[in-house]
C-alpha atoms as a PDB file:
ATOM      1  CA  MET A   1     -15.575   3.820  20.342  1.00  0.00           C
ATOM      2  CA  ASN A   2     -13.404   0.692  20.314  1.00  0.00           C
ATOM      3  CA  SER A   3     -13.788  -1.566  17.004  1.00  0.00           C
ATOM      4  CA  LEU A   4     -12.821  -4.869  16.345  1.00  0.00           C
ATOM      5  CA  ILE A   5     -10.164  -5.509  13.401  1.00  0.00           C
ATOM      6  CA  CYS A   6     -11.376  -8.664  10.986  1.00  0.00           C
ATOM      7  CA  ALA A   7      -8.571 -10.221   9.507  1.00  0.00           C
ATOM      8  CA  THR A   8      -8.180 -12.780   6.640  1.00  0.00           C
ATOM      9  CA  ASP A   9      -5.353 -15.107   5.389  1.00  0.00           C
ATOM     10  CA  TYR A  10      -6.520 -14.490   1.683  1.00  0.00           C
ATOM     11  CA  VAL A  11      -7.754 -11.762  -0.653  1.00  0.00           C
ATOM     12  CA  LEU A  12      -9.497 -12.243  -4.164  1.00  0.00           C
ATOM     13  CA  PRO A  13      -8.476 -10.130  -7.025  1.00  0.00           C
ATOM     14  CA  ASP A  14     -11.941  -8.680  -7.952  1.00  0.00           C
ATOM     15  CA  GLU A  15     -12.979  -8.069  -4.200  1.00  0.00           C
ATOM     16  CA  PRO A  16     -13.671  -4.451  -3.281  1.00  0.00           C
ATOM     17  CA  CYS A  17     -10.713  -2.665  -1.857  1.00  0.00           C
ATOM     18  CA  LEU A  18     -10.594   0.675   0.712  1.00  0.00           C
ATOM     19  CA  GLY A  19      -6.680   0.851   0.204  1.00  0.00           C
ATOM     20  CA  VAL A  20      -3.264  -0.940  -0.080  1.00  0.00           C
ATOM     21  CA  PHE A  21      -0.767   0.438   2.293  1.00  0.00           C
ATOM     22  CA  GLU A  22       2.878  -0.477   2.869  1.00  0.00           C
ATOM     23  CA  VAL A  23       4.428  -0.006   6.198  1.00  0.00           C
ATOM     24  CA  ILE A  24       7.610  -1.118   8.262  1.00  0.00           C
ATOM     25  CA  ARG A  25       6.718  -3.512  10.995  1.00  0.00           C
ATOM     26  CA  SER A  26       9.120  -5.454  13.387  1.00  0.00           C
ATOM     27  CA  ILE A  27       8.589  -9.051  13.232  1.00  0.00           C
ATOM     28  CA  LEU A  28      10.578 -11.252  15.983  1.00  0.00           C
ATOM     29  CA  GLY A  29      13.002  -8.354  16.328  1.00  0.00           C
ATOM     30  CA  LYS A  30      13.473  -7.457  12.568  1.00  0.00           C
ATOM     31  CA  GLN A  31      12.536  -4.660  10.590  1.00  0.00           C
ATOM     32  CA  HIS A  32      10.068  -5.988   7.622  1.00  0.00           C
ATOM     33  CA  ARG A  33       8.056  -4.315   4.934  1.00  0.00           C
ATOM     34  CA  VAL A  34       4.311  -5.321   5.195  1.00  0.00           C
ATOM     35  CA  GLN A  35       1.658  -4.728   2.938  1.00  0.00           C
ATOM     36  CA  ILE A  36      -1.952  -3.957   4.260  1.00  0.00           C
ATOM     37  CA  ILE A  37      -4.833  -4.859   2.233  1.00  0.00           C
ATOM     38  CA  GLN A  38      -8.202  -3.593   3.394  1.00  0.00           C
ATOM     39  CA  ILE A  39     -10.985  -5.366   1.635  1.00  0.00           C
ATOM     40  CA  VAL A  40     -14.869  -5.122   2.323  1.00  0.00           C
ATOM     41  CA  ARG A  41     -16.528  -8.056   2.525  1.00  0.00           C
ATOM     42  CA  ASN A  42     -20.141  -8.707   3.536  1.00  0.00           C
ATOM     43  CA  ASP A  43     -20.287  -5.004   4.122  1.00  0.00           C
ATOM     44  CA  LYS A  44     -17.499  -5.146   6.581  1.00  0.00           C
ATOM     45  CA  VAL A  45     -13.911  -4.008   6.234  1.00  0.00           C
ATOM     46  CA  VAL A  46     -11.393  -6.933   6.285  1.00  0.00           C
ATOM     47  CA  THR A  47      -7.624  -6.534   6.573  1.00  0.00           C
ATOM     48  CA  LEU A  48      -4.856  -8.925   5.433  1.00  0.00           C
ATOM     49  CA  ASP A  49      -1.226  -8.284   6.467  1.00  0.00           C
ATOM     50  CA  ARG A  50       1.377  -9.710   3.748  1.00  0.00           C
ATOM     51  CA  ASP A  51       5.093  -9.720   5.018  1.00  0.00           C
ATOM     52  CA  LEU A  52       7.025  -8.695   2.101  1.00  0.00           C
ATOM     53  CA  GLY A  53      10.454  -9.315   3.873  1.00  0.00           C
ATOM     54  CA  SER A  54      13.236  -7.701   5.469  1.00  0.00           C
ATOM     55  CA  ILE A  55      13.508  -4.210   4.405  1.00  0.00           C
ATOM     56  CA  LYS A  56      16.941  -4.863   3.329  1.00  0.00           C
ATOM     57  CA  LYS A  57      15.525  -6.049   0.058  1.00  0.00           C
ATOM     58  CA  PHE A  58      13.834  -2.524  -0.442  1.00  0.00           C
ATOM     59  CA  PRO A  59      16.682  -0.365  -0.305  1.00  0.00           C
ATOM     60  CA  ASP A  60      15.632   3.175  -1.250  1.00  0.00           C
ATOM     61  CA  VAL A  61      11.997   2.331  -1.908  1.00  0.00           C
ATOM     62  CA  ASP A  62       9.509   4.650  -0.322  1.00  0.00           C
ATOM     63  CA  LEU A  63       6.598   3.613   1.613  1.00  0.00           C
ATOM     64  CA  PHE A  64       2.995   4.288   0.371  1.00  0.00           C
ATOM     65  CA  ARG A  65      -0.755   4.643   0.572  1.00  0.00           C
ATOM     66  CA  ILE A  66      -3.024   3.819  -2.272  1.00  0.00           C
ATOM     67  CA  PRO A  67      -6.492   4.865  -1.600  1.00  0.00           C
ATOM     68  CA  GLY A  68      -9.388   2.780  -3.156  1.00  0.00           C
ATOM     69  CA  GLY A  69     -12.318   4.145  -1.287  1.00  0.00           C
ATOM     70  CA  ILE A  70     -13.987   5.829   1.748  1.00  0.00           C
ATOM     71  CA  ILE A  71     -16.115   5.136   4.625  1.00  0.00           C
ATOM     72  CA  GLU A  72     -18.752   7.548   5.198  1.00  0.00           C
ATOM     73  CA  PRO A  73     -19.451   8.864   8.939  1.00  0.00           C
ATOM     74  CA  SER A  74     -22.733   6.956   8.684  1.00  0.00           C
ATOM     75  CA  GLY A  75     -20.681   3.908   8.224  1.00  0.00           C
ATOM     76  CA  LYS A  76     -21.567   3.376   4.484  1.00  0.00           C
ATOM     77  CA  ILE A  77     -18.606   2.000   2.483  1.00  0.00           C
ATOM     78  CA  HIS A  78     -17.830   3.141  -0.970  1.00  0.00           C
ATOM     79  CA  THR A  79     -14.919   1.795  -3.172  1.00  0.00           C
ATOM     80  CA  VAL A  80     -14.000   2.537  -6.713  1.00  0.00           C
ATOM     81  CA  HIS A  81     -11.042  -0.258  -6.819  1.00  0.00           C
ATOM     82  CA  THR A  82     -10.746  -3.920  -6.628  1.00  0.00           C
ATOM     83  CA  ALA A  83      -7.953  -5.541  -4.428  1.00  0.00           C
ATOM     84  CA  GLY A  84      -6.289  -6.511  -8.022  1.00  0.00           C
ATOM     85  CA  GLN A  85      -6.157  -3.253  -9.420  1.00  0.00           C
ATOM     86  CA  LEU A  86      -4.613  -1.901  -5.994  1.00  0.00           C
ATOM     87  CA  MET A  87      -2.222  -4.820  -5.711  1.00  0.00           C
ATOM     88  CA  GLU A  88      -0.755  -4.013  -9.114  1.00  0.00           C
ATOM     89  CA  ILE A  89      -0.147  -0.353  -8.479  1.00  0.00           C
ATOM     90  CA  ALA A  90       1.583  -1.068  -5.451  1.00  0.00           C
ATOM     91  CA  ASP A  91       3.695  -3.702  -7.385  1.00  0.00           C
ATOM     92  CA  THR A  92       4.550  -1.030  -9.940  1.00  0.00           C
ATOM     93  CA  LEU A  93       5.067   1.659  -7.257  1.00  0.00           C
ATOM     94  CA  ARG A  94       7.457  -0.517  -5.148  1.00  0.00           C
ATOM     95  CA  GLU A  95       9.469  -2.287  -8.040  1.00  0.00           C
ATOM     96  CA  LYS A  96       9.926   1.285 -10.036  1.00  0.00           C
ATOM     97  CA  ASN A  97      10.104   3.304  -7.318  1.00  0.00           C
ATOM     98  CA  ILE A  98       8.402   5.941  -8.953  1.00  0.00           C
ATOM     99  CA  LEU A  99       7.639   8.316  -6.123  1.00  0.00           C
ATOM    100  CA  ASP A 100      10.944   8.757  -5.834  1.00  0.00           C
ATOM    101  CA  LYS A 101      11.600  10.064  -9.293  1.00  0.00           C
ATOM    102  CA  VAL A 102       8.454  12.151  -9.139  1.00  0.00           C
ATOM    103  CA  ASP A 103       9.934  13.591  -6.074  1.00  0.00           C
ATOM    104  CA  ARG A 104      13.113  14.305  -7.936  1.00  0.00           C
ATOM    105  CA  VAL A 105      11.463  16.083 -10.800  1.00  0.00           C
ATOM    106  CA  LEU A 106       9.015  18.021  -8.920  1.00  0.00           C
ATOM    107  CA  SER A 107      11.662  19.669  -6.539  1.00  0.00           C
ATOM    108  CA  GLY A 108      14.199  19.998  -9.433  1.00  0.00           C
ATOM    109  CA  THR A 109      17.054  17.857  -7.937  1.00  0.00           C
ATOM    110  CA  LYS A 110      19.426  16.176  -9.953  1.00  0.00           C
ATOM    111  CA  THR A 111      18.271  12.582 -11.083  1.00  0.00           C
ATOM    112  CA  LYS A 112      20.458   9.547 -10.014  1.00  0.00           C
ATOM    113  CA  ARG A 113      21.394   8.254 -13.491  1.00  0.00           C
ATOM    114  CA  THR A 114      21.963  11.405 -15.608  1.00  0.00           C
ATOM    115  CA  GLY A 115      23.114  13.814 -13.082  1.00  0.00           C
ATOM    116  CA  THR A 116      21.088  16.351 -15.030  1.00  0.00           C
ATOM    117  CA  ASN A 117      17.870  18.378 -14.042  1.00  0.00           C
ATOM    118  CA  ARG A 118      14.587  17.272 -15.383  1.00  0.00           C
END
């Protein structure tokens, strides 16, 4: 079944949000980090793609997916977070690169700063 993707040019922080994802896309032949925000408006999923800039601005920062709800097979949408909440989490993950630190701790590898196991 083909489905139409509805797009928007704005997102309000209090809108129900299905998820925030960050991916790499080619824009005008250059690699950019793009934030995809999926919100629910009038019982439909609406998507905003935000160009965050060249991937060179984000060295060693992992891509991530932050779920905020689900769509049942019947089409019913359930969200548990707002766009503002998930965008704040995304900013924290990107700026502090928490995923990298957690991965190093779980894998037992040495940290970059101290050179010790944590």
